Amino acid sequence: MKRYVGIDPSTKCGLVILKDGEVRTALEIKTKVEEDPQRFMDLAAQIRKHIRETDIICIEGFSYGSKGRGVSTQYGIGWLIRVELLKNGYSYTDVPPTTLKKFASGKGNTKKDELVLPIYKRWGFESNSDNIRDAYVLAQIAQSLHEDIELTAFQKEALKKIV
C-alpha cells in the first residue's frame, strides 16, 4: 500500500505520513542548528530520513505574496527540502498555499487558525501545530490525487490548480 506524505516547510517543518487512510507519522521537525544554511540543511536531512522511494509527496508551495524578513528563510528551507528530495530520487507535487486552504475549508484565503475546525470536521484530525495540520491536508491531497476518494465540489476544484 502506498504512503502519502505531506510536508509543510518552515522553521518547524510539519510532516505527516498517511498509509491505509491512517496517520502513521505526524511530526513537527525542528533543529538545534543555529547557523544558516546549515540549519536548512539539517531540516531537509531530517525530513528525508522519513521518506521512502515509493512515497507520494505533496509539499506546500511558496507564498509569493508574503513580505518581511522571514520570507528568505522560508524560501531557503523550502528549496533545500526540494533539493534533498530530488537529489535522492524522490518526486513531489507543489501545492500552492491557497489550494491547500481551499481543499480543507472551501476558501483559499482562510487563516491558518480558522482551518482547525474544518480539518477536524472533515477528517477527525487535530493538532496544536498549524505546521502539522497543513502537512496533514497535504497528505490528504496526495492521497486524493492517486486514489478514488469521494471529494466535495470545492476539493475537486482545488485539485484542478495542481493537476
N, C-alpha and C. Protein backbone atom coordinates (compact mmCIF):
# COMPACT_ATOMS: atom_id res chain seq x y z
N MET A 1 0.84 -1.19 0.00
CA MET A 1 0.00 0.00 0.00
C MET A 1 0.88 1.25 0.00
N LYS A 2 0.48 2.22 -0.77
CA LYS A 2 1.26 3.46 -0.86
C LYS A 2 1.14 4.29 0.41
N ARG A 3 2.18 5.10 0.60
CA ARG A 3 2.17 6.07 1.69
C ARG A 3 2.05 7.45 1.06
N TYR A 4 1.29 8.30 1.70
CA TYR A 4 1.08 9.66 1.23
C TYR A 4 1.68 10.61 2.24
N VAL A 5 2.55 11.48 1.74
CA VAL A 5 3.35 12.35 2.60
C VAL A 5 3.01 13.81 2.34
N GLY A 6 2.79 14.54 3.42
CA GLY A 6 2.61 15.98 3.35
C GLY A 6 3.75 16.66 4.08
N ILE A 7 4.34 17.66 3.44
CA ILE A 7 5.45 18.41 4.04
C ILE A 7 5.11 19.89 4.01
N ASP A 8 5.14 20.51 5.19
CA ASP A 8 4.97 21.95 5.31
C ASP A 8 6.32 22.53 5.70
N PRO A 9 7.05 23.11 4.72
CA PRO A 9 8.39 23.63 5.00
C PRO A 9 8.32 24.89 5.87
N SER A 10 9.02 24.87 6.97
CA SER A 10 9.04 26.00 7.89
C SER A 10 10.21 25.82 8.84
N THR A 11 10.42 26.78 9.73
CA THR A 11 11.48 26.62 10.73
C THR A 11 11.16 25.45 11.66
N LYS A 12 9.88 25.10 11.75
CA LYS A 12 9.42 23.86 12.39
C LYS A 12 8.58 23.18 11.33
N CYS A 13 9.20 22.26 10.59
CA CYS A 13 8.53 21.63 9.44
C CYS A 13 7.47 20.64 9.90
N GLY A 14 6.32 20.73 9.28
CA GLY A 14 5.28 19.73 9.51
C GLY A 14 5.49 18.56 8.58
N LEU A 15 5.37 17.34 9.10
CA LEU A 15 5.50 16.14 8.29
C LEU A 15 4.41 15.16 8.72
N VAL A 16 3.57 14.77 7.77
CA VAL A 16 2.53 13.78 8.04
C VAL A 16 2.61 12.70 6.98
N ILE A 17 2.54 11.45 7.43
CA ILE A 17 2.53 10.30 6.53
C ILE A 17 1.25 9.51 6.78
N LEU A 18 0.47 9.33 5.71
CA LEU A 18 -0.74 8.52 5.76
C LEU A 18 -0.48 7.19 5.05
N LYS A 19 -0.99 6.12 5.63
CA LYS A 19 -0.95 4.81 4.97
C LYS A 19 -2.24 4.09 5.34
N ASP A 20 -2.87 3.51 4.34
CA ASP A 20 -4.15 2.83 4.55
C ASP A 20 -5.16 3.77 5.19
N GLY A 21 -5.11 5.05 4.85
CA GLY A 21 -6.05 6.02 5.37
C GLY A 21 -5.81 6.44 6.81
N GLU A 22 -4.74 5.95 7.41
CA GLU A 22 -4.43 6.25 8.81
C GLU A 22 -3.16 7.08 8.93
N VAL A 23 -3.10 7.94 9.94
CA VAL A 23 -1.89 8.71 10.20
C VAL A 23 -0.84 7.78 10.79
N ARG A 24 0.27 7.63 10.10
CA ARG A 24 1.39 6.80 10.59
C ARG A 24 2.45 7.65 11.25
N THR A 25 2.58 8.89 10.77
CA THR A 25 3.56 9.82 11.32
C THR A 25 2.95 11.21 11.30
N ALA A 26 3.10 11.94 12.39
CA ALA A 26 2.68 13.35 12.45
C ALA A 26 3.70 14.05 13.34
N LEU A 27 4.64 14.73 12.71
CA LEU A 27 5.76 15.33 13.43
C LEU A 27 5.92 16.80 13.09
N GLU A 28 6.47 17.52 14.05
CA GLU A 28 6.98 18.86 13.78
C GLU A 28 8.49 18.73 13.91
N ILE A 29 9.17 18.84 12.79
CA ILE A 29 10.62 18.63 12.75
C ILE A 29 11.33 19.95 13.03
N LYS A 30 12.19 19.92 14.03
CA LYS A 30 12.93 21.10 14.46
C LYS A 30 14.43 20.80 14.38
N THR A 31 15.22 21.83 14.52
CA THR A 31 16.66 21.66 14.53
C THR A 31 17.27 22.51 15.64
N LYS A 32 18.40 22.03 16.15
CA LYS A 32 19.13 22.81 17.15
C LYS A 32 20.26 23.60 16.49
N VAL A 33 20.47 23.34 15.19
CA VAL A 33 21.49 24.06 14.45
C VAL A 33 21.03 25.51 14.31
N GLU A 34 21.92 26.45 14.59
CA GLU A 34 21.53 27.86 14.58
C GLU A 34 21.99 28.63 13.35
N GLU A 35 23.07 28.17 12.72
CA GLU A 35 23.64 28.89 11.59
C GLU A 35 22.97 28.48 10.28
N ASP A 36 22.64 29.48 9.46
CA ASP A 36 22.12 29.21 8.12
C ASP A 36 23.29 29.19 7.15
N PRO A 37 23.33 28.37 6.15
CA PRO A 37 22.29 27.47 5.67
C PRO A 37 22.32 26.07 6.31
N GLN A 38 23.25 25.84 7.24
CA GLN A 38 23.32 24.53 7.88
C GLN A 38 22.00 24.14 8.56
N ARG A 39 21.33 25.14 9.11
CA ARG A 39 20.03 24.88 9.76
C ARG A 39 19.04 24.34 8.73
N PHE A 40 19.01 24.94 7.55
CA PHE A 40 18.10 24.49 6.49
C PHE A 40 18.46 23.07 6.06
N MET A 41 19.77 22.83 5.94
CA MET A 41 20.24 21.50 5.50
C MET A 41 19.85 20.42 6.51
N ASP A 42 19.93 20.75 7.80
CA ASP A 42 19.57 19.79 8.83
C ASP A 42 18.09 19.45 8.77
N LEU A 43 17.25 20.45 8.61
CA LEU A 43 15.81 20.20 8.49
C LEU A 43 15.51 19.30 7.30
N ALA A 44 16.14 19.60 6.16
CA ALA A 44 15.93 18.80 4.95
C ALA A 44 16.39 17.35 5.15
N ALA A 45 17.53 17.18 5.79
CA ALA A 45 18.06 15.83 6.03
C ALA A 45 17.15 15.04 6.98
N GLN A 46 16.63 15.71 7.99
CA GLN A 46 15.72 15.04 8.93
C GLN A 46 14.45 14.57 8.22
N ILE A 47 13.92 15.40 7.34
CA ILE A 47 12.72 15.03 6.60
C ILE A 47 13.01 13.82 5.71
N ARG A 48 14.14 13.88 5.00
CA ARG A 48 14.48 12.79 4.07
C ARG A 48 14.53 11.44 4.78
N LYS A 49 14.95 11.41 6.02
CA LYS A 49 15.05 10.15 6.76
C LYS A 49 13.70 9.44 6.90
N HIS A 50 12.63 10.18 6.77
CA HIS A 50 11.29 9.60 6.91
C HIS A 50 10.68 9.16 5.58
N ILE A 51 11.30 9.55 4.47
CA ILE A 51 10.73 9.33 3.15
C ILE A 51 11.22 8.01 2.55
N ARG A 52 10.30 7.32 1.88
CA ARG A 52 10.61 6.09 1.15
C ARG A 52 10.48 6.32 -0.34
N GLU A 53 11.13 5.46 -1.10
CA GLU A 53 11.17 5.60 -2.56
C GLU A 53 9.78 5.62 -3.19
N THR A 54 8.85 4.88 -2.66
CA THR A 54 7.52 4.77 -3.28
C THR A 54 6.51 5.78 -2.74
N ASP A 55 6.93 6.66 -1.84
CA ASP A 55 6.01 7.63 -1.26
C ASP A 55 5.50 8.62 -2.31
N ILE A 56 4.25 9.01 -2.13
CA ILE A 56 3.65 10.08 -2.93
C ILE A 56 3.70 11.32 -2.05
N ILE A 57 4.40 12.35 -2.52
CA ILE A 57 4.71 13.51 -1.68
C ILE A 57 4.07 14.78 -2.22
N CYS A 58 3.42 15.52 -1.33
CA CYS A 58 2.97 16.88 -1.64
C CYS A 58 3.66 17.82 -0.65
N ILE A 59 4.17 18.91 -1.18
CA ILE A 59 4.86 19.89 -0.35
C ILE A 59 4.19 21.25 -0.58
N GLU A 60 4.02 22.01 0.51
CA GLU A 60 3.38 23.31 0.35
C GLU A 60 4.28 24.24 -0.45
N GLY A 61 3.68 24.85 -1.47
CA GLY A 61 4.42 25.78 -2.31
C GLY A 61 4.71 27.08 -1.58
N PHE A 62 5.42 27.93 -2.25
CA PHE A 62 5.83 29.20 -1.66
C PHE A 62 4.68 30.19 -1.65
N SER A 63 4.67 31.02 -0.63
CA SER A 63 3.68 32.09 -0.51
C SER A 63 4.29 33.33 -1.16
N TYR A 64 4.03 33.48 -2.44
CA TYR A 64 4.70 34.54 -3.20
C TYR A 64 4.29 35.94 -2.79
N GLY A 65 3.15 36.10 -2.16
CA GLY A 65 2.71 37.43 -1.74
C GLY A 65 3.23 37.84 -0.38
N SER A 66 3.93 36.95 0.31
CA SER A 66 4.41 37.26 1.66
C SER A 66 5.53 38.29 1.63
N LYS A 67 5.62 39.04 2.73
CA LYS A 67 6.65 40.07 2.86
C LYS A 67 7.30 39.95 4.23
N GLY A 68 8.47 40.54 4.36
CA GLY A 68 9.16 40.56 5.65
C GLY A 68 10.44 39.74 5.64
N ARG A 69 11.16 39.81 6.77
CA ARG A 69 12.45 39.14 6.88
C ARG A 69 12.34 37.62 6.79
N GLY A 70 11.24 37.05 7.25
CA GLY A 70 11.10 35.60 7.29
C GLY A 70 10.94 34.96 5.92
N VAL A 71 10.64 35.75 4.90
CA VAL A 71 10.41 35.20 3.57
C VAL A 71 11.65 34.49 3.05
N SER A 72 12.82 35.10 3.19
CA SER A 72 14.05 34.47 2.68
C SER A 72 14.33 33.16 3.42
N THR A 73 14.01 33.10 4.70
CA THR A 73 14.18 31.87 5.46
C THR A 73 13.25 30.79 4.93
N GLN A 74 11.99 31.15 4.70
CA GLN A 74 11.02 30.18 4.17
C GLN A 74 11.46 29.66 2.80
N TYR A 75 11.95 30.54 1.95
CA TYR A 75 12.42 30.12 0.64
C TYR A 75 13.64 29.21 0.77
N GLY A 76 14.57 29.57 1.65
CA GLY A 76 15.77 28.76 1.84
C GLY A 76 15.42 27.35 2.29
N ILE A 77 14.58 27.25 3.31
CA ILE A 77 14.17 25.93 3.82
C ILE A 77 13.42 25.16 2.73
N GLY A 78 12.48 25.84 2.08
CA GLY A 78 11.69 25.18 1.03
C GLY A 78 12.54 24.64 -0.10
N TRP A 79 13.49 25.44 -0.56
CA TRP A 79 14.34 24.98 -1.67
C TRP A 79 15.27 23.85 -1.23
N LEU A 80 15.83 23.92 -0.04
CA LEU A 80 16.73 22.85 0.38
C LEU A 80 15.99 21.53 0.58
N ILE A 81 14.76 21.58 1.06
CA ILE A 81 13.98 20.34 1.17
C ILE A 81 13.74 19.76 -0.22
N ARG A 82 13.38 20.61 -1.17
CA ARG A 82 13.15 20.14 -2.54
C ARG A 82 14.41 19.54 -3.15
N VAL A 83 15.54 20.22 -2.95
CA VAL A 83 16.81 19.72 -3.47
C VAL A 83 17.14 18.35 -2.85
N GLU A 84 16.94 18.23 -1.54
CA GLU A 84 17.21 16.97 -0.84
C GLU A 84 16.34 15.84 -1.40
N LEU A 85 15.08 16.13 -1.64
CA LEU A 85 14.19 15.12 -2.20
C LEU A 85 14.65 14.71 -3.60
N LEU A 86 14.88 15.69 -4.47
CA LEU A 86 15.29 15.40 -5.84
C LEU A 86 16.64 14.68 -5.90
N LYS A 87 17.57 15.13 -5.08
CA LYS A 87 18.91 14.54 -5.04
C LYS A 87 18.84 13.05 -4.69
N ASN A 88 17.82 12.68 -3.93
CA ASN A 88 17.67 11.29 -3.51
C ASN A 88 16.66 10.52 -4.34
N GLY A 89 16.26 11.10 -5.47
CA GLY A 89 15.41 10.38 -6.42
C GLY A 89 13.93 10.42 -6.13
N TYR A 90 13.48 11.31 -5.25
CA TYR A 90 12.06 11.41 -4.94
C TYR A 90 11.42 12.51 -5.76
N SER A 91 10.21 12.28 -6.20
CA SER A 91 9.47 13.35 -6.87
C SER A 91 8.42 13.87 -5.89
N TYR A 92 7.91 15.04 -6.18
CA TYR A 92 6.93 15.66 -5.30
C TYR A 92 6.02 16.56 -6.12
N THR A 93 4.91 16.92 -5.54
CA THR A 93 3.97 17.85 -6.15
C THR A 93 3.90 19.09 -5.27
N ASP A 94 4.10 20.25 -5.89
CA ASP A 94 3.95 21.52 -5.17
C ASP A 94 2.47 21.86 -5.09
N VAL A 95 2.03 22.26 -3.92
CA VAL A 95 0.64 22.66 -3.71
C VAL A 95 0.63 24.10 -3.20
N PRO A 96 0.06 25.02 -3.98
CA PRO A 96 0.01 26.41 -3.51
C PRO A 96 -0.74 26.53 -2.17
N PRO A 97 -0.31 27.45 -1.32
CA PRO A 97 -0.99 27.62 -0.02
C PRO A 97 -2.50 27.85 -0.15
N THR A 98 -2.92 28.60 -1.16
CA THR A 98 -4.36 28.85 -1.34
C THR A 98 -5.10 27.56 -1.71
N THR A 99 -4.45 26.68 -2.45
CA THR A 99 -5.07 25.41 -2.82
C THR A 99 -5.22 24.50 -1.60
N LEU A 100 -4.19 24.47 -0.76
CA LEU A 100 -4.25 23.71 0.49
C LEU A 100 -5.45 24.18 1.32
N LYS A 101 -5.59 25.49 1.48
CA LYS A 101 -6.67 26.06 2.29
C LYS A 101 -8.04 25.77 1.68
N LYS A 102 -8.13 25.90 0.36
CA LYS A 102 -9.40 25.63 -0.31
C LYS A 102 -9.77 24.16 -0.18
N PHE A 103 -8.82 23.26 -0.32
CA PHE A 103 -9.09 21.83 -0.20
C PHE A 103 -9.62 21.48 1.19
N ALA A 104 -9.11 22.17 2.20
CA ALA A 104 -9.51 21.89 3.59
C ALA A 104 -10.81 22.57 3.97
N SER A 105 -11.01 23.80 3.49
CA SER A 105 -12.12 24.61 4.03
C SER A 105 -13.12 25.12 3.01
N GLY A 106 -12.76 25.05 1.74
CA GLY A 106 -13.65 25.60 0.72
C GLY A 106 -13.28 27.02 0.31
N LYS A 107 -12.37 27.66 1.07
CA LYS A 107 -11.94 29.02 0.75
C LYS A 107 -10.41 29.08 0.74
N GLY A 108 -9.87 29.69 -0.30
CA GLY A 108 -8.42 29.78 -0.43
C GLY A 108 -7.76 30.83 0.42
N ASN A 109 -8.58 31.69 1.05
CA ASN A 109 -8.00 32.77 1.87
C ASN A 109 -8.27 32.55 3.36
N THR A 110 -8.57 31.33 3.75
CA THR A 110 -8.81 31.02 5.16
C THR A 110 -7.53 31.20 5.97
N LYS A 111 -7.65 31.81 7.15
CA LYS A 111 -6.49 31.97 8.02
C LYS A 111 -6.13 30.62 8.64
N LYS A 112 -4.84 30.44 8.96
CA LYS A 112 -4.36 29.16 9.49
C LYS A 112 -5.16 28.68 10.69
N ASP A 113 -5.43 29.59 11.63
CA ASP A 113 -6.15 29.17 12.84
C ASP A 113 -7.62 28.85 12.56
N GLU A 114 -8.14 29.32 11.41
CA GLU A 114 -9.52 29.01 11.04
C GLU A 114 -9.64 27.66 10.33
N LEU A 115 -8.51 26.99 10.10
CA LEU A 115 -8.53 25.66 9.47
C LEU A 115 -8.75 24.55 10.50
N VAL A 116 -8.58 24.85 11.76
CA VAL A 116 -8.68 23.83 12.82
C VAL A 116 -10.00 23.08 12.73
N LEU A 117 -11.10 23.80 12.73
CA LEU A 117 -12.42 23.17 12.74
C LEU A 117 -12.74 22.43 11.44
N PRO A 118 -12.52 23.03 10.25
CA PRO A 118 -12.80 22.28 9.02
C PRO A 118 -11.98 20.98 8.92
N ILE A 119 -10.73 21.00 9.35
CA ILE A 119 -9.90 19.79 9.30
C ILE A 119 -10.46 18.74 10.25
N TYR A 120 -10.85 19.17 11.43
CA TYR A 120 -11.41 18.22 12.40
C TYR A 120 -12.75 17.66 11.91
N LYS A 121 -13.62 18.54 11.41
CA LYS A 121 -14.94 18.09 10.95
C LYS A 121 -14.84 17.13 9.76
N ARG A 122 -13.93 17.43 8.82
CA ARG A 122 -13.82 16.62 7.60
C ARG A 122 -13.12 15.29 7.85
N TRP A 123 -12.03 15.33 8.62
CA TRP A 123 -11.19 14.14 8.76
C TRP A 123 -11.03 13.64 10.19
N GLY A 124 -11.50 14.40 11.17
CA GLY A 124 -11.33 13.99 12.56
C GLY A 124 -9.91 14.13 13.06
N PHE A 125 -9.11 14.94 12.37
CA PHE A 125 -7.70 15.12 12.73
C PHE A 125 -7.54 16.43 13.48
N GLU A 126 -6.73 16.38 14.53
CA GLU A 126 -6.42 17.61 15.26
C GLU A 126 -4.96 17.61 15.70
N SER A 127 -4.42 18.81 15.75
CA SER A 127 -3.05 19.01 16.21
C SER A 127 -2.94 20.46 16.67
N ASN A 128 -2.11 20.68 17.68
CA ASN A 128 -1.88 22.04 18.15
C ASN A 128 -0.97 22.82 17.20
N SER A 129 -0.31 22.12 16.29
CA SER A 129 0.65 22.74 15.37
C SER A 129 0.01 23.01 14.02
N ASP A 130 0.03 24.28 13.58
CA ASP A 130 -0.50 24.57 12.24
C ASP A 130 0.39 23.95 11.17
N ASN A 131 1.67 23.73 11.46
CA ASN A 131 2.56 23.07 10.50
C ASN A 131 2.14 21.62 10.29
N ILE A 132 1.79 20.93 11.36
CA ILE A 132 1.33 19.55 11.24
C ILE A 132 -0.05 19.50 10.57
N ARG A 133 -0.92 20.44 10.91
CA ARG A 133 -2.24 20.47 10.26
C ARG A 133 -2.09 20.68 8.76
N ASP A 134 -1.23 21.61 8.35
CA ASP A 134 -1.01 21.84 6.92
C ASP A 134 -0.44 20.58 6.26
N ALA A 135 0.52 19.95 6.91
CA ALA A 135 1.11 18.72 6.36
C ALA A 135 0.05 17.62 6.23
N TYR A 136 -0.87 17.57 7.18
CA TYR A 136 -1.95 16.58 7.12
C TYR A 136 -2.82 16.81 5.88
N VAL A 137 -3.20 18.06 5.64
CA VAL A 137 -4.02 18.37 4.46
C VAL A 137 -3.24 18.03 3.19
N LEU A 138 -1.95 18.32 3.18
CA LEU A 138 -1.12 17.99 2.01
C LEU A 138 -1.07 16.49 1.77
N ALA A 139 -0.99 15.70 2.84
CA ALA A 139 -1.02 14.23 2.70
C ALA A 139 -2.38 13.78 2.16
N GLN A 140 -3.44 14.43 2.61
CA GLN A 140 -4.78 14.11 2.08
C GLN A 140 -4.87 14.46 0.59
N ILE A 141 -4.27 15.57 0.19
CA ILE A 141 -4.25 15.95 -1.22
C ILE A 141 -3.48 14.90 -2.02
N ALA A 142 -2.33 14.48 -1.52
CA ALA A 142 -1.53 13.45 -2.20
C ALA A 142 -2.37 12.19 -2.41
N GLN A 143 -3.08 11.79 -1.37
CA GLN A 143 -3.92 10.59 -1.47
C GLN A 143 -5.05 10.81 -2.48
N SER A 144 -5.66 11.97 -2.46
CA SER A 144 -6.76 12.28 -3.38
C SER A 144 -6.32 12.30 -4.83
N LEU A 145 -5.07 12.66 -5.07
CA LEU A 145 -4.55 12.69 -6.44
C LEU A 145 -4.29 11.28 -6.99
N HIS A 146 -4.21 10.27 -6.11
CA HIS A 146 -3.83 8.93 -6.54
C HIS A 146 -4.84 7.84 -6.22
N GLU A 147 -5.89 8.18 -5.50
CA GLU A 147 -6.91 7.20 -5.17
C GLU A 147 -8.28 7.76 -5.48
N ASP A 148 -9.21 6.87 -5.71
CA ASP A 148 -10.58 7.28 -6.00
C ASP A 148 -11.29 7.54 -4.67
N ILE A 149 -11.23 8.78 -4.23
CA ILE A 149 -11.80 9.19 -2.96
C ILE A 149 -12.95 10.15 -3.25
N GLU A 150 -14.02 10.02 -2.48
CA GLU A 150 -15.14 10.94 -2.65
C GLU A 150 -14.72 12.33 -2.18
N LEU A 151 -14.88 13.29 -3.08
CA LEU A 151 -14.46 14.66 -2.79
C LEU A 151 -15.64 15.61 -2.95
N THR A 152 -15.58 16.72 -2.25
CA THR A 152 -16.58 17.77 -2.42
C THR A 152 -16.28 18.51 -3.73
N ALA A 153 -17.23 19.31 -4.16
CA ALA A 153 -17.03 20.11 -5.38
C ALA A 153 -15.84 21.05 -5.21
N PHE A 154 -15.73 21.69 -4.03
CA PHE A 154 -14.62 22.64 -3.85
C PHE A 154 -13.28 21.92 -3.77
N GLN A 155 -13.25 20.68 -3.29
CA GLN A 155 -12.00 19.94 -3.28
C GLN A 155 -11.58 19.57 -4.70
N LYS A 156 -12.53 19.16 -5.52
CA LYS A 156 -12.23 18.85 -6.93
C LYS A 156 -11.70 20.10 -7.63
N GLU A 157 -12.33 21.23 -7.34
CA GLU A 157 -11.90 22.50 -7.92
C GLU A 157 -10.48 22.85 -7.47
N ALA A 158 -10.20 22.64 -6.20
CA ALA A 158 -8.85 22.91 -5.67
C ALA A 158 -7.81 22.04 -6.37
N LEU A 159 -8.12 20.77 -6.59
CA LEU A 159 -7.15 19.86 -7.20
C LEU A 159 -6.83 20.26 -8.64
N LYS A 160 -7.77 20.90 -9.32
CA LYS A 160 -7.52 21.34 -10.70
C LYS A 160 -6.36 22.34 -10.77
N LYS A 161 -6.07 23.02 -9.66
CA LYS A 161 -4.99 24.01 -9.62
C LYS A 161 -3.61 23.36 -9.63
N ILE A 162 -3.56 22.05 -9.31
CA ILE A 162 -2.25 21.40 -9.22
C ILE A 162 -2.07 20.23 -10.19
N VAL A 163 -3.14 19.84 -10.86
CA VAL A 163 -3.02 18.70 -11.78
C VAL A 163 -2.68 19.17 -13.17
